Amino acid sequence: DFYESLLGWPRRSDAPEWVELAPSDGGAGLSFQ
């Protein structure tokens, strides 16, 4: 939630113990476990 708000990147996947964010224009993203 913090990095989504900070970077403005949408969620690519969202599960209780694993979330992926990625920039809309492609490229490497951030995952959280």
PDB file of all heavy atoms in Angstrom:
ATOM      1  N   ASP A   1       0.832  -1.207   0.000  1.00  0.00           N
ATOM      2  CA  ASP A   1       0.000   0.000   0.000  1.00  0.00           C
ATOM      3  C   ASP A   1       0.869   1.260   0.000  1.00  0.00           C
ATOM      4  O   ASP A   1       0.599   2.221  -0.720  1.00  0.00           O
ATOM      5  CB  ASP A   1      -0.901   0.045   1.236  1.00  0.00           C
ATOM      6  CG  ASP A   1      -2.037  -0.972   1.207  1.00  0.00           C
ATOM      7  OD1 ASP A   1      -2.338  -1.527   0.128  1.00  0.00           O
ATOM      8  OD2 ASP A   1      -2.616  -1.220   2.289  1.00  0.00           O
ATOM      9  N   PHE A   2       1.926   1.252   0.847  1.00  0.00           N
ATOM     10  CA  PHE A   2       2.817   2.408   0.932  1.00  0.00           C
ATOM     11  C   PHE A   2       3.483   2.681  -0.418  1.00  0.00           C
ATOM     12  O   PHE A   2       3.442   3.803  -0.929  1.00  0.00           O
ATOM     13  CB  PHE A   2       3.879   2.181   2.012  1.00  0.00           C
ATOM     14  CG  PHE A   2       4.979   3.204   1.989  1.00  0.00           C
ATOM     15  CD1 PHE A   2       4.783   4.461   2.519  1.00  0.00           C
ATOM     16  CD2 PHE A   2       6.218   2.899   1.421  1.00  0.00           C
ATOM     17  CE1 PHE A   2       5.799   5.413   2.489  1.00  0.00           C
ATOM     18  CE2 PHE A   2       7.230   3.837   1.383  1.00  0.00           C
ATOM     19  CZ  PHE A   2       7.021   5.109   1.918  1.00  0.00           C
ATOM     20  N   TYR A   3       4.110   1.652  -1.007  1.00  0.00           N
ATOM     21  CA  TYR A   3       4.830   1.861  -2.264  1.00  0.00           C
ATOM     22  C   TYR A   3       3.878   2.127  -3.429  1.00  0.00           C
ATOM     23  O   TYR A   3       4.210   2.875  -4.351  1.00  0.00           O
ATOM     24  CB  TYR A   3       5.761   0.684  -2.553  1.00  0.00           C
ATOM     25  CG  TYR A   3       7.028   0.765  -1.722  1.00  0.00           C
ATOM     26  CD1 TYR A   3       7.180   0.006  -0.572  1.00  0.00           C
ATOM     27  CD2 TYR A   3       8.048   1.635  -2.073  1.00  0.00           C
ATOM     28  CE1 TYR A   3       8.335   0.102   0.204  1.00  0.00           C
ATOM     29  CE2 TYR A   3       9.200   1.740  -1.309  1.00  0.00           C
ATOM     30  CZ  TYR A   3       9.335   0.978  -0.175  1.00  0.00           C
ATOM     31  OH  TYR A   3      10.471   1.087   0.589  1.00  0.00           O
ATOM     32  N   GLU A   4       2.692   1.564  -3.400  1.00  0.00           N
ATOM     33  CA  GLU A   4       1.704   1.846  -4.437  1.00  0.00           C
ATOM     34  C   GLU A   4       1.351   3.337  -4.422  1.00  0.00           C
ATOM     35  O   GLU A   4       1.298   3.989  -5.462  1.00  0.00           O
ATOM     36  CB  GLU A   4       0.465   0.988  -4.205  1.00  0.00           C
ATOM     37  CG  GLU A   4      -0.613   1.158  -5.261  1.00  0.00           C
ATOM     38  CD  GLU A   4      -1.791   0.231  -5.015  1.00  0.00           C
ATOM     39  OE1 GLU A   4      -2.063  -0.149  -3.856  1.00  0.00           O
ATOM     40  OE2 GLU A   4      -2.455  -0.107  -6.020  1.00  0.00           O
ATOM     41  N   SER A   5       1.151   3.887  -3.229  1.00  0.00           N
ATOM     42  CA  SER A   5       0.848   5.320  -3.107  1.00  0.00           C
ATOM     43  C   SER A   5       2.052   6.185  -3.448  1.00  0.00           C
ATOM     44  O   SER A   5       1.920   7.226  -4.091  1.00  0.00           O
ATOM     45  CB  SER A   5       0.374   5.635  -1.686  1.00  0.00           C
ATOM     46  OG  SER A   5      -0.846   4.994  -1.423  1.00  0.00           O
ATOM     47  N   LEU A   6       3.231   5.766  -3.000  1.00  0.00           N
ATOM     48  CA  LEU A   6       4.443   6.547  -3.248  1.00  0.00           C
ATOM     49  C   LEU A   6       4.788   6.598  -4.734  1.00  0.00           C
ATOM     50  O   LEU A   6       5.053   7.672  -5.284  1.00  0.00           O
ATOM     51  CB  LEU A   6       5.624   5.964  -2.464  1.00  0.00           C
ATOM     52  CG  LEU A   6       6.932   6.745  -2.565  1.00  0.00           C
ATOM     53  CD1 LEU A   6       6.834   8.055  -1.798  1.00  0.00           C
ATOM     54  CD2 LEU A   6       8.095   5.909  -2.033  1.00  0.00           C
ATOM     55  N   LEU A   7       4.800   5.449  -5.387  1.00  0.00           N
ATOM     56  CA  LEU A   7       5.251   5.356  -6.776  1.00  0.00           C
ATOM     57  C   LEU A   7       4.120   5.524  -7.794  1.00  0.00           C
ATOM     58  O   LEU A   7       4.388   5.805  -8.962  1.00  0.00           O
ATOM     59  CB  LEU A   7       5.939   4.005  -7.012  1.00  0.00           C
ATOM     60  CG  LEU A   7       7.179   3.751  -6.156  1.00  0.00           C
ATOM     61  CD1 LEU A   7       7.635   2.304  -6.306  1.00  0.00           C
ATOM     62  CD2 LEU A   7       8.294   4.719  -6.520  1.00  0.00           C
ATOM     63  N   GLY A   8       2.883   5.300  -7.366  1.00  0.00           N
ATOM     64  CA  GLY A   8       1.762   5.380  -8.304  1.00  0.00           C
ATOM     65  C   GLY A   8       1.691   4.193  -9.246  1.00  0.00           C
ATOM     66  O   GLY A   8       1.087   4.291 -10.314  1.00  0.00           O
ATOM     67  N   TRP A   9       2.280   3.077  -8.855  1.00  0.00           N
ATOM     68  CA  TRP A   9       2.269   1.883  -9.699  1.00  0.00           C
ATOM     69  C   TRP A   9       1.063   1.015  -9.362  1.00  0.00           C
ATOM     70  O   TRP A   9       0.752   0.809  -8.185  1.00  0.00           O
ATOM     71  CB  TRP A   9       3.527   1.050  -9.481  1.00  0.00           C
ATOM     72  CG  TRP A   9       4.798   1.650  -9.954  1.00  0.00           C
ATOM     73  CD1 TRP A   9       4.982   2.837 -10.609  1.00  0.00           C
ATOM     74  CD2 TRP A   9       6.094   1.088  -9.795  1.00  0.00           C
ATOM     75  NE1 TRP A   9       6.310   3.040 -10.869  1.00  0.00           N
ATOM     76  CE2 TRP A   9       7.019   1.967 -10.373  1.00  0.00           C
ATOM     77  CE3 TRP A   9       6.566  -0.079  -9.203  1.00  0.00           C
ATOM     78  CZ2 TRP A   9       8.384   1.727 -10.397  1.00  0.00           C
ATOM     79  CZ3 TRP A   9       7.927  -0.333  -9.225  1.00  0.00           C
ATOM     80  CH2 TRP A   9       8.827   0.561  -9.827  1.00  0.00           C
ATOM     81  N   PRO A  10       0.417   0.462 -10.375  1.00  0.00           N
ATOM     82  CA  PRO A  10      -0.709  -0.439 -10.114  1.00  0.00           C
ATOM     83  C   PRO A  10      -0.227  -1.831  -9.672  1.00  0.00           C
ATOM     84  O   PRO A  10       0.919  -2.215  -9.914  1.00  0.00           O
ATOM     85  CB  PRO A  10      -1.416  -0.523 -11.469  1.00  0.00           C
ATOM     86  CG  PRO A  10      -0.339  -0.254 -12.467  1.00  0.00           C
ATOM     87  CD  PRO A  10       0.622   0.700 -11.803  1.00  0.00           C
ATOM     88  N   ARG A  11      -1.149  -2.551  -9.056  1.00  0.00           N
ATOM     89  CA  ARG A  11      -0.863  -3.930  -8.641  1.00  0.00           C
ATOM     90  C   ARG A  11      -0.977  -4.863  -9.839  1.00  0.00           C
ATOM     91  O   ARG A  11      -1.946  -4.809 -10.578  1.00  0.00           O
ATOM     92  CB  ARG A  11      -1.821  -4.369  -7.540  1.00  0.00           C
ATOM     93  CG  ARG A  11      -1.556  -3.589  -6.270  1.00  0.00           C
ATOM     94  CD  ARG A  11      -2.374  -4.066  -5.108  1.00  0.00           C
ATOM     95  NE  ARG A  11      -2.119  -3.122  -4.010  1.00  0.00           N
ATOM     96  CZ  ARG A  11      -2.078  -3.459  -2.747  1.00  0.00           C
ATOM     97  NH1 ARG A  11      -2.297  -4.704  -2.380  1.00  0.00           N
ATOM     98  NH2 ARG A  11      -1.830  -2.552  -1.831  1.00  0.00           N
ATOM     99  N   ARG A  12       0.037  -5.690  -9.985  1.00  0.00           N
ATOM    100  CA  ARG A  12       0.039  -6.721 -11.018  1.00  0.00           C
ATOM    101  C   ARG A  12      -0.600  -7.992 -10.464  1.00  0.00           C
ATOM    102  O   ARG A  12      -1.240  -8.737 -11.181  1.00  0.00           O
ATOM    103  CB  ARG A  12       1.473  -6.996 -11.480  1.00  0.00           C
ATOM    104  CG  ARG A  12       1.571  -7.914 -12.648  1.00  0.00           C
ATOM    105  CD  ARG A  12       2.993  -8.221 -13.065  1.00  0.00           C
ATOM    106  NE  ARG A  12       3.887  -7.091 -13.018  1.00  0.00           N
ATOM    107  CZ  ARG A  12       5.201  -7.173 -13.166  1.00  0.00           C
ATOM    108  NH1 ARG A  12       5.780  -8.334 -13.353  1.00  0.00           N
ATOM    109  NH2 ARG A  12       5.950  -6.111 -13.098  1.00  0.00           N
ATOM    110  N   SER A  13      -0.385  -8.244  -9.188  1.00  0.00           N
ATOM    111  CA  SER A  13      -1.032  -9.360  -8.503  1.00  0.00           C
ATOM    112  C   SER A  13      -1.189  -8.990  -7.040  1.00  0.00           C
ATOM    113  O   SER A  13      -0.440  -8.169  -6.512  1.00  0.00           O
ATOM    114  CB  SER A  13      -0.237 -10.659  -8.662  1.00  0.00           C
ATOM    115  OG  SER A  13       0.958 -10.593  -7.921  1.00  0.00           O
ATOM    116  N   ASP A  14      -2.184  -9.606  -6.398  1.00  0.00           N
ATOM    117  CA  ASP A  14      -2.491  -9.252  -5.013  1.00  0.00           C
ATOM    118  C   ASP A  14      -3.050 -10.478  -4.310  1.00  0.00           C
ATOM    119  O   ASP A  14      -4.175 -10.899  -4.575  1.00  0.00           O
ATOM    120  CB  ASP A  14      -3.505  -8.108  -4.999  1.00  0.00           C
ATOM    121  CG  ASP A  14      -3.763  -7.551  -3.605  1.00  0.00           C
ATOM    122  OD1 ASP A  14      -3.304  -8.153  -2.616  1.00  0.00           O
ATOM    123  OD2 ASP A  14      -4.433  -6.519  -3.520  1.00  0.00           O
ATOM    124  N   ALA A  15      -2.248 -11.051  -3.444  1.00  0.00           N
ATOM    125  CA  ALA A  15      -2.662 -12.173  -2.607  1.00  0.00           C
ATOM    126  C   ALA A  15      -2.311 -11.805  -1.169  1.00  0.00           C
ATOM    127  O   ALA A  15      -1.498 -10.909  -0.935  1.00  0.00           O
ATOM    128  CB  ALA A  15      -1.949 -13.454  -3.044  1.00  0.00           C
ATOM    129  N   PRO A  16      -2.896 -12.480  -0.188  1.00  0.00           N
ATOM    130  CA  PRO A  16      -2.641 -12.100   1.201  1.00  0.00           C
ATOM    131  C   PRO A  16      -1.158 -12.042   1.581  1.00  0.00           C
ATOM    132  O   PRO A  16      -0.762 -11.180   2.352  1.00  0.00           O
ATOM    133  CB  PRO A  16      -3.380 -13.177   2.008  1.00  0.00           C
ATOM    134  CG  PRO A  16      -4.459 -13.628   1.098  1.00  0.00           C
ATOM    135  CD  PRO A  16      -3.875 -13.556  -0.292  1.00  0.00           C
ATOM    136  N   GLU A  17      -0.347 -12.921   1.032  1.00  0.00           N
ATOM    137  CA  GLU A  17       1.062 -12.973   1.446  1.00  0.00           C
ATOM    138  C   GLU A  17       2.030 -12.598   0.325  1.00  0.00           C
ATOM    139  O   GLU A  17       3.247 -12.682   0.506  1.00  0.00           O
ATOM    140  CB  GLU A  17       1.378 -14.372   1.991  1.00  0.00           C
ATOM    141  CG  GLU A  17       0.368 -14.750   3.052  1.00  0.00           C
ATOM    142  CD  GLU A  17       0.927 -15.465   4.234  1.00  0.00           C
ATOM    143  OE1 GLU A  17       2.107 -15.827   4.231  1.00  0.00           O
ATOM    144  OE2 GLU A  17       0.151 -15.660   5.180  1.00  0.00           O
ATOM    145  N   TRP A  18       1.506 -12.148  -0.826  1.00  0.00           N
ATOM    146  CA  TRP A  18       2.358 -11.805  -1.964  1.00  0.00           C
ATOM    147  C   TRP A  18       1.664 -10.743  -2.807  1.00  0.00           C
ATOM    148  O   TRP A  18       0.526 -10.933  -3.253  1.00  0.00           O
ATOM    149  CB  TRP A  18       2.626 -13.041  -2.813  1.00  0.00           C
ATOM    150  CG  TRP A  18       3.489 -12.765  -4.010  1.00  0.00           C
ATOM    151  CD1 TRP A  18       3.057 -12.520  -5.281  1.00  0.00           C
ATOM    152  CD2 TRP A  18       4.916 -12.687  -4.057  1.00  0.00           C
ATOM    153  NE1 TRP A  18       4.135 -12.300  -6.118  1.00  0.00           N
ATOM    154  CE2 TRP A  18       5.287 -12.401  -5.379  1.00  0.00           C
ATOM    155  CE3 TRP A  18       5.907 -12.831  -3.092  1.00  0.00           C
ATOM    156  CZ2 TRP A  18       6.606 -12.261  -5.770  1.00  0.00           C
ATOM    157  CZ3 TRP A  18       7.225 -12.691  -3.492  1.00  0.00           C
ATOM    158  CH2 TRP A  18       7.569 -12.412  -4.814  1.00  0.00           C
ATOM    159  N   VAL A  19       2.342  -9.617  -3.032  1.00  0.00           N
ATOM    160  CA  VAL A  19       1.808  -8.525  -3.854  1.00  0.00           C
ATOM    161  C   VAL A  19       2.892  -8.093  -4.825  1.00  0.00           C
ATOM    162  O   VAL A  19       4.065  -8.015  -4.461  1.00  0.00           O
ATOM    163  CB  VAL A  19       1.362  -7.323  -2.984  1.00  0.00           C
ATOM    164  CG1 VAL A  19       0.832  -6.186  -3.852  1.00  0.00           C
ATOM    165  CG2 VAL A  19       0.328  -7.746  -1.953  1.00  0.00           C
ATOM    166  N   GLU A  20       2.489  -7.821  -6.057  1.00  0.00           N
ATOM    167  CA  GLU A  20       3.417  -7.305  -7.072  1.00  0.00           C
ATOM    168  C   GLU A  20       2.906  -5.967  -7.585  1.00  0.00           C
ATOM    169  O   GLU A  20       1.731  -5.837  -7.912  1.00  0.00           O
ATOM    170  CB  GLU A  20       3.523  -8.273  -8.253  1.00  0.00           C
ATOM    171  CG  GLU A  20       4.101  -9.615  -7.916  1.00  0.00           C
ATOM    172  CD  GLU A  20       4.099 -10.566  -9.102  1.00  0.00           C
ATOM    173  OE1 GLU A  20       3.898 -10.123 -10.258  1.00  0.00           O
ATOM    174  OE2 GLU A  20       4.300 -11.768  -8.873  1.00  0.00           O
ATOM    175  N   LEU A  21       3.810  -4.987  -7.648  1.00  0.00           N
ATOM    176  CA  LEU A  21       3.545  -3.692  -8.270  1.00  0.00           C
ATOM    177  C   LEU A  21       4.458  -3.567  -9.478  1.00  0.00           C
ATOM    178  O   LEU A  21       5.586  -4.071  -9.461  1.00  0.00           O
ATOM    179  CB  LEU A  21       3.866  -2.538  -7.320  1.00  0.00           C
ATOM    180  CG  LEU A  21       3.198  -2.483  -5.960  1.00  0.00           C
ATOM    181  CD1 LEU A  21       3.716  -1.264  -5.189  1.00  0.00           C
ATOM    182  CD2 LEU A  21       1.695  -2.442  -6.081  1.00  0.00           C
ATOM    183  N   ALA A  22       3.989  -2.868 -10.507  1.00  0.00           N
ATOM    184  CA  ALA A  22       4.835  -2.649 -11.677  1.00  0.00           C
ATOM    185  C   ALA A  22       4.428  -1.352 -12.359  1.00  0.00           C
ATOM    186  O   ALA A  22       3.244  -0.997 -12.363  1.00  0.00           O
ATOM    187  CB  ALA A  22       4.709  -3.808 -12.656  1.00  0.00           C
ATOM    188  N   PRO A  23       5.403  -0.654 -12.930  1.00  0.00           N
ATOM    189  CA  PRO A  23       5.056   0.571 -13.639  1.00  0.00           C
ATOM    190  C   PRO A  23       4.195   0.261 -14.860  1.00  0.00           C
ATOM    191  O   PRO A  23       4.371  -0.780 -15.506  1.00  0.00           O
ATOM    192  CB  PRO A  23       6.415   1.160 -14.046  1.00  0.00           C
ATOM    193  CG  PRO A  23       7.377   0.030 -13.972  1.00  0.00           C
ATOM    194  CD  PRO A  23       6.834  -0.952 -12.983  1.00  0.00           C
ATOM    195  N   SER A  24       3.254   1.129 -15.162  1.00  0.00           N
ATOM    196  CA  SER A  24       2.334   0.906 -16.287  1.00  0.00           C
ATOM    197  C   SER A  24       3.041   0.813 -17.620  1.00  0.00           C
ATOM    198  O   SER A  24       2.573   0.130 -18.532  1.00  0.00           O
ATOM    199  CB  SER A  24       1.298   2.041 -16.346  1.00  0.00           C
ATOM    200  OG  SER A  24       0.538   2.056 -15.176  1.00  0.00           O
ATOM    201  N   ASP A  25       4.185   1.496 -17.744  1.00  0.00           N
ATOM    202  CA  ASP A  25       4.902   1.500 -19.018  1.00  0.00           C
ATOM    203  C   ASP A  25       5.886   0.336 -19.147  1.00  0.00           C
ATOM    204  O   ASP A  25       6.702   0.310 -20.064  1.00  0.00           O
ATOM    205  CB  ASP A  25       5.615   2.831 -19.231  1.00  0.00           C
ATOM    206  CG  ASP A  25       6.621   3.162 -18.142  1.00  0.00           C
ATOM    207  OD1 ASP A  25       6.707   2.415 -17.140  1.00  0.00           O
ATOM    208  OD2 ASP A  25       7.320   4.179 -18.284  1.00  0.00           O
ATOM    209  N   GLY A  26       5.813  -0.630 -18.251  1.00  0.00           N
ATOM    210  CA  GLY A  26       6.680  -1.806 -18.323  1.00  0.00           C
ATOM    211  C   GLY A  26       7.917  -1.641 -17.460  1.00  0.00           C
ATOM    212  O   GLY A  26       8.092  -0.651 -16.762  1.00  0.00           O
ATOM    213  N   GLY A  27       8.755  -2.638 -17.477  1.00  0.00           N
ATOM    214  CA  GLY A  27       9.977  -2.611 -16.688  1.00  0.00           C
ATOM    215  C   GLY A  27       9.826  -3.379 -15.390  1.00  0.00           C
ATOM    216  O   GLY A  27       8.761  -3.891 -15.052  1.00  0.00           O
ATOM    217  N   ALA A  28      10.927  -3.457 -14.675  1.00  0.00           N
ATOM    218  CA  ALA A  28      10.949  -4.195 -13.415  1.00  0.00           C
ATOM    219  C   ALA A  28      10.061  -3.526 -12.383  1.00  0.00           C
ATOM    220  O   ALA A  28       9.902  -2.309 -12.360  1.00  0.00           O
ATOM    221  CB  ALA A  28      12.385  -4.296 -12.897  1.00  0.00           C
ATOM    222  N   GLY A  29       9.490  -4.340 -11.518  1.00  0.00           N
ATOM    223  CA  GLY A  29       8.602  -3.829 -10.494  1.00  0.00           C
ATOM    224  C   GLY A  29       9.111  -4.158  -9.104  1.00  0.00           C
ATOM    225  O   GLY A  29      10.286  -4.500  -8.909  1.00  0.00           O
ATOM    226  N   LEU A  30       8.230  -4.059  -8.149  1.00  0.00           N
ATOM    227  CA  LEU A  30       8.515  -4.411  -6.761  1.00  0.00           C
ATOM    228  C   LEU A  30       7.513  -5.466  -6.322  1.00  0.00           C
ATOM    229  O   LEU A  30       6.325  -5.364  -6.634  1.00  0.00           O
ATOM    230  CB  LEU A  30       8.360  -3.199  -5.839  1.00  0.00           C
ATOM    231  CG  LEU A  30       9.450  -2.161  -5.837  1.00  0.00           C
ATOM    232  CD1 LEU A  30       9.035  -0.976  -4.965  1.00  0.00           C
ATOM    233  CD2 LEU A  30      10.739  -2.757  -5.311  1.00  0.00           C
ATOM    234  N   SER A  31       8.018  -6.461  -5.600  1.00  0.00           N
ATOM    235  CA  SER A  31       7.157  -7.483  -5.016  1.00  0.00           C
ATOM    236  C   SER A  31       7.321  -7.438  -3.507  1.00  0.00           C
ATOM    237  O   SER A  31       8.362  -7.005  -2.993  1.00  0.00           O
ATOM    238  CB  SER A  31       7.542  -8.871  -5.536  1.00  0.00           C
ATOM    239  OG  SER A  31       7.384  -8.944  -6.933  1.00  0.00           O
ATOM    240  N   PHE A  32       6.301  -7.894  -2.818  1.00  0.00           N
ATOM    241  CA  PHE A  32       6.285  -7.870  -1.358  1.00  0.00           C
ATOM    242  C   PHE A  32       5.793  -9.220  -0.872  1.00  0.00           C
ATOM    243  O   PHE A  32       4.788  -9.729  -1.376  1.00  0.00           O
ATOM    244  CB  PHE A  32       5.347  -6.759  -0.857  1.00  0.00           C
ATOM    245  CG  PHE A  32       5.672  -5.430  -1.463  1.00  0.00           C
ATOM    246  CD1 PHE A  32       5.112  -5.042  -2.669  1.00  0.00           C
ATOM    247  CD2 PHE A  32       6.580  -4.584  -0.851  1.00  0.00           C
ATOM    248  CE1 PHE A  32       5.428  -3.830  -3.248  1.00  0.00           C
ATOM    249  CE2 PHE A  32       6.914  -3.367  -1.430  1.00  0.00           C
ATOM    250  CZ  PHE A  32       6.337  -2.990  -2.630  1.00  0.00           C
ATOM    251  N   GLN A  33       6.524  -9.786   0.073  1.00  0.00           N
ATOM    252  CA  GLN A  33       6.088 -11.057   0.633  1.00  0.00           C
ATOM    253  C   GLN A  33       6.027 -10.959   2.144  1.00  0.00           C
ATOM    254  O   GLN A  33       6.864 -10.302   2.774  1.00  0.00           O
ATOM    255  CB  GLN A  33       6.971 -12.215   0.194  1.00  0.00           C
ATOM    256  CG  GLN A  33       8.352 -12.246   0.770  1.00  0.00           C
ATOM    257  CD  GLN A  33       9.155 -13.434   0.258  1.00  0.00           C
ATOM    258  OE1 GLN A  33       8.744 -14.158  -0.643  1.00  0.00           O
ATOM    259  NE2 GLN A  33      10.318 -13.642   0.833  1.00  0.00           N
TER     260      GLN A  33
END
